[in-house]
Protein backbone atom coordinates (compact mmCIF):
# COMPACT_ATOMS: atom_id res chain seq x y z
CA MET A 1 -26.16 -22.69 48.08
CA THR A 2 -22.64 -23.42 48.10
CA GLU A 3 -19.37 -22.06 49.95
CA THR A 4 -16.66 -20.19 48.80
CA LEU A 5 -13.68 -22.13 48.69
CA GLN A 6 -10.09 -19.87 49.97
CA GLY A 7 -7.15 -21.22 48.51
CA VAL A 8 -8.57 -23.17 45.11
CA GLY A 9 -6.29 -22.67 41.45
CA LEU A 10 -7.99 -23.20 38.83
CA GLY A 11 -6.92 -24.03 35.42
CA ALA A 12 -4.45 -26.92 34.98
CA GLY A 13 -2.77 -27.87 37.88
CA ALA A 14 -5.40 -26.54 40.70
CA LEU A 15 -4.28 -27.16 43.73
CA TRP A 16 -6.21 -26.94 46.87
CA CYS A 17 -3.76 -26.17 49.36
CA ASN A 18 -3.71 -25.13 53.21
CA ALA A 19 -3.12 -21.59 53.55
CA ALA A 20 -3.15 -22.02 57.16
CA MET A 21 0.22 -24.26 56.96
CA SER A 22 2.96 -21.79 57.72
CA SER A 23 5.58 -24.61 58.09
CA PRO A 24 6.92 -27.81 56.40
CA GLU A 25 6.49 -29.16 59.95
CA ARG A 26 4.99 -32.59 59.88
CA ALA A 27 2.45 -32.14 62.74
CA SER A 28 0.98 -29.29 60.58
CA ILE A 29 0.27 -32.10 57.58
CA ARG A 30 -2.38 -33.57 56.68
CA LEU A 31 -4.95 -34.99 53.90
CA ALA A 32 -7.09 -32.46 53.28
CA ALA A 33 -8.71 -33.51 49.74
CA VAL A 34 -8.23 -37.21 47.17
CA SER A 35 -8.74 -34.78 43.57
CA LEU A 36 -10.01 -37.09 40.62
CA ASP A 37 -8.96 -36.16 37.11
CA ALA A 38 -12.43 -35.69 34.41
CA VAL A 39 -12.23 -34.01 31.50
CA ASP A 40 -15.88 -32.85 32.31
CA PRO A 41 -15.96 -32.85 36.08
CA LEU A 42 -19.63 -32.58 36.76
CA PRO A 43 -21.64 -35.69 36.34
CA VAL A 44 -18.04 -37.48 38.02
CA ALA A 45 -19.37 -35.83 41.40
CA GLU A 46 -22.21 -35.59 41.00
CA PHE A 47 -21.32 -40.11 40.41
CA TRP A 48 -19.46 -39.73 44.24
CA ARG A 49 -21.43 -37.20 45.75
CA ASP A 50 -24.59 -39.99 44.80
CA LEU A 51 -22.85 -42.89 45.96
CA LEU A 52 -21.06 -41.67 49.24
CA GLY A 53 -23.98 -39.05 50.16
CA LEU A 54 -20.87 -36.05 50.48
CA GLN A 55 -22.12 -32.91 49.55
CA THR A 56 -21.00 -29.99 46.98
CA ILE A 57 -19.39 -27.25 48.71
CA GLY A 58 -17.85 -25.39 46.25
CA GLN A 59 -17.95 -25.66 41.68
CA ASN A 60 -17.30 -23.95 38.23
CA GLU A 61 -17.27 -25.26 35.69
CA ASP A 62 -13.91 -27.18 36.28
CA PHE A 63 -13.81 -28.06 39.59
CA VAL A 64 -16.14 -29.36 42.24
CA ALA A 65 -15.26 -29.80 45.58
CA LEU A 66 -17.19 -32.53 48.03
CA ARG A 67 -17.66 -32.57 51.31
CA GLY A 68 -18.87 -35.40 53.61
CA ALA A 69 -16.08 -37.64 53.61
CA ALA A 70 -12.93 -37.97 55.92
CA VAL A 71 -11.45 -35.80 53.65
CA LEU A 72 -12.97 -33.54 50.90
CA ILE A 73 -13.62 -35.19 47.23
CA THR A 74 -13.18 -32.83 44.99
CA VAL A 75 -13.06 -33.55 40.82
CA GLN A 76 -11.12 -30.70 38.79
CA ARG A 77 -10.92 -30.49 34.74
CA VAL A 78 -7.94 -32.45 32.76
CA ALA A 79 -8.57 -31.76 29.42
CA GLU A 80 -6.61 -34.11 27.79
CA HIS A 81 -7.34 -36.90 30.91
CA ARG A 82 -6.89 -40.98 29.60
CA ALA A 83 -8.82 -43.01 31.87
CA ALA A 84 -6.80 -46.10 33.18
CA GLN A 85 -6.73 -49.45 31.73
CA TRP A 86 -6.92 -52.01 34.71
CA PRO A 87 -5.21 -54.02 35.30
CA THR A 88 -2.77 -53.94 32.60
CA GLY A 89 -2.72 -51.77 29.82
CA GLU A 90 -0.69 -48.76 28.33
CA VAL A 91 -2.14 -45.72 30.84
CA PRO A 92 -1.83 -47.53 34.17
CA LYS A 93 -4.29 -46.90 37.04
CA GLN A 94 -1.93 -44.57 39.14
CA LEU A 95 -4.58 -44.37 42.48
CA HIS A 96 -8.03 -45.39 43.59
CA LEU A 97 -10.33 -44.90 46.57
CA GLU A 98 -11.18 -48.04 48.80
CA LEU A 99 -15.05 -47.72 49.98
CA ALA A 100 -16.18 -50.30 52.77
CA VAL A 101 -19.72 -51.99 52.46
CA ALA A 102 -21.44 -54.05 54.86
CA ASP A 103 -23.08 -56.11 51.65
CA LEU A 104 -20.57 -56.17 48.26
CA ASP A 105 -23.75 -57.29 46.28
CA ASP A 106 -25.93 -54.38 47.41
CA GLY A 107 -22.75 -51.78 47.18
CA GLU A 108 -21.91 -53.35 43.93
CA ARG A 109 -25.62 -52.71 42.39
CA ALA A 110 -25.54 -48.68 43.68
CA ALA A 111 -22.44 -47.84 42.69
CA VAL A 112 -23.64 -49.46 39.02
CA ALA A 113 -27.44 -48.03 39.57
CA LEU A 114 -26.05 -44.86 39.63
CA GLY A 115 -23.06 -44.97 36.21
CA ALA A 116 -20.37 -47.21 36.95
CA THR A 117 -19.22 -49.89 35.71
CA ARG A 118 -17.76 -53.27 36.94
CA ALA A 119 -13.97 -54.27 35.58
CA SER A 120 -14.13 -57.08 34.04
CA ALA A 121 -11.21 -58.37 36.58
CA GLN A 122 -12.02 -59.18 39.12
CA PRO A 123 -9.14 -60.68 41.75
CA SER A 124 -10.82 -61.60 45.06
CA PRO A 125 -14.40 -60.62 44.28
CA ALA A 126 -16.10 -62.82 47.12
CA ARG A 127 -14.09 -59.61 49.48
CA TRP A 128 -13.78 -57.26 47.88
CA ARG A 129 -15.23 -55.43 43.70
CA VAL A 130 -13.13 -53.66 41.21
CA LEU A 131 -15.74 -51.15 39.71
CA ILE A 132 -15.02 -47.94 36.90
CA ASP A 133 -16.51 -44.72 37.80
CA PRO A 134 -18.18 -41.95 35.14
CA ALA A 135 -14.59 -41.10 33.37
CA GLY A 136 -13.25 -44.21 34.16
CA HIS A 137 -11.78 -44.18 37.61
CA PRO A 138 -11.27 -47.27 39.08
CA PHE A 139 -12.50 -47.60 42.35
CA CYS A 140 -12.93 -50.87 44.84
CA ILE A 141 -15.58 -51.75 47.19
CA SER A 142 -15.04 -54.85 50.29
CA ASN A 143 -16.25 -55.56 53.85
CA GLN A 144 -13.46 -56.35 54.76
CA MET A 145 -12.03 -52.53 55.98
CA PRO A 146 -11.81 -52.32 59.73
CA GLU A 147 -13.88 -49.16 61.31
CA PRO A 148 -11.75 -46.53 61.64
């Protein structure tokens, strides 16, 4: 069963917003979610849910919200989404997630088993690996991340 998400606008340009924020004071602003665009949100959300051990807290055919990380991860439908080409290409990488792992090989195997692919360019494979999620979003796994 999933929770009802309040403040979720669906359709083109969907936003997750904190309706309780009443003023633009810096102290009241916080990162609440990272949203990923995809032609089909459900399989991308399932990939991130399974990879990070998250739970689905709301979904419909155009939007899925996942909880369990420090911020929500949401995936929303963008019909004309074009996957980034990394490290160079017509569509540049605009944002990516950095994931901490204890062991790079184990982390890579787990992500690939769930549908990720290994990017052909690996700038520093002994310190981090560049992977691509099922919708084409580059992300990194690293054993160099400090604990929060």
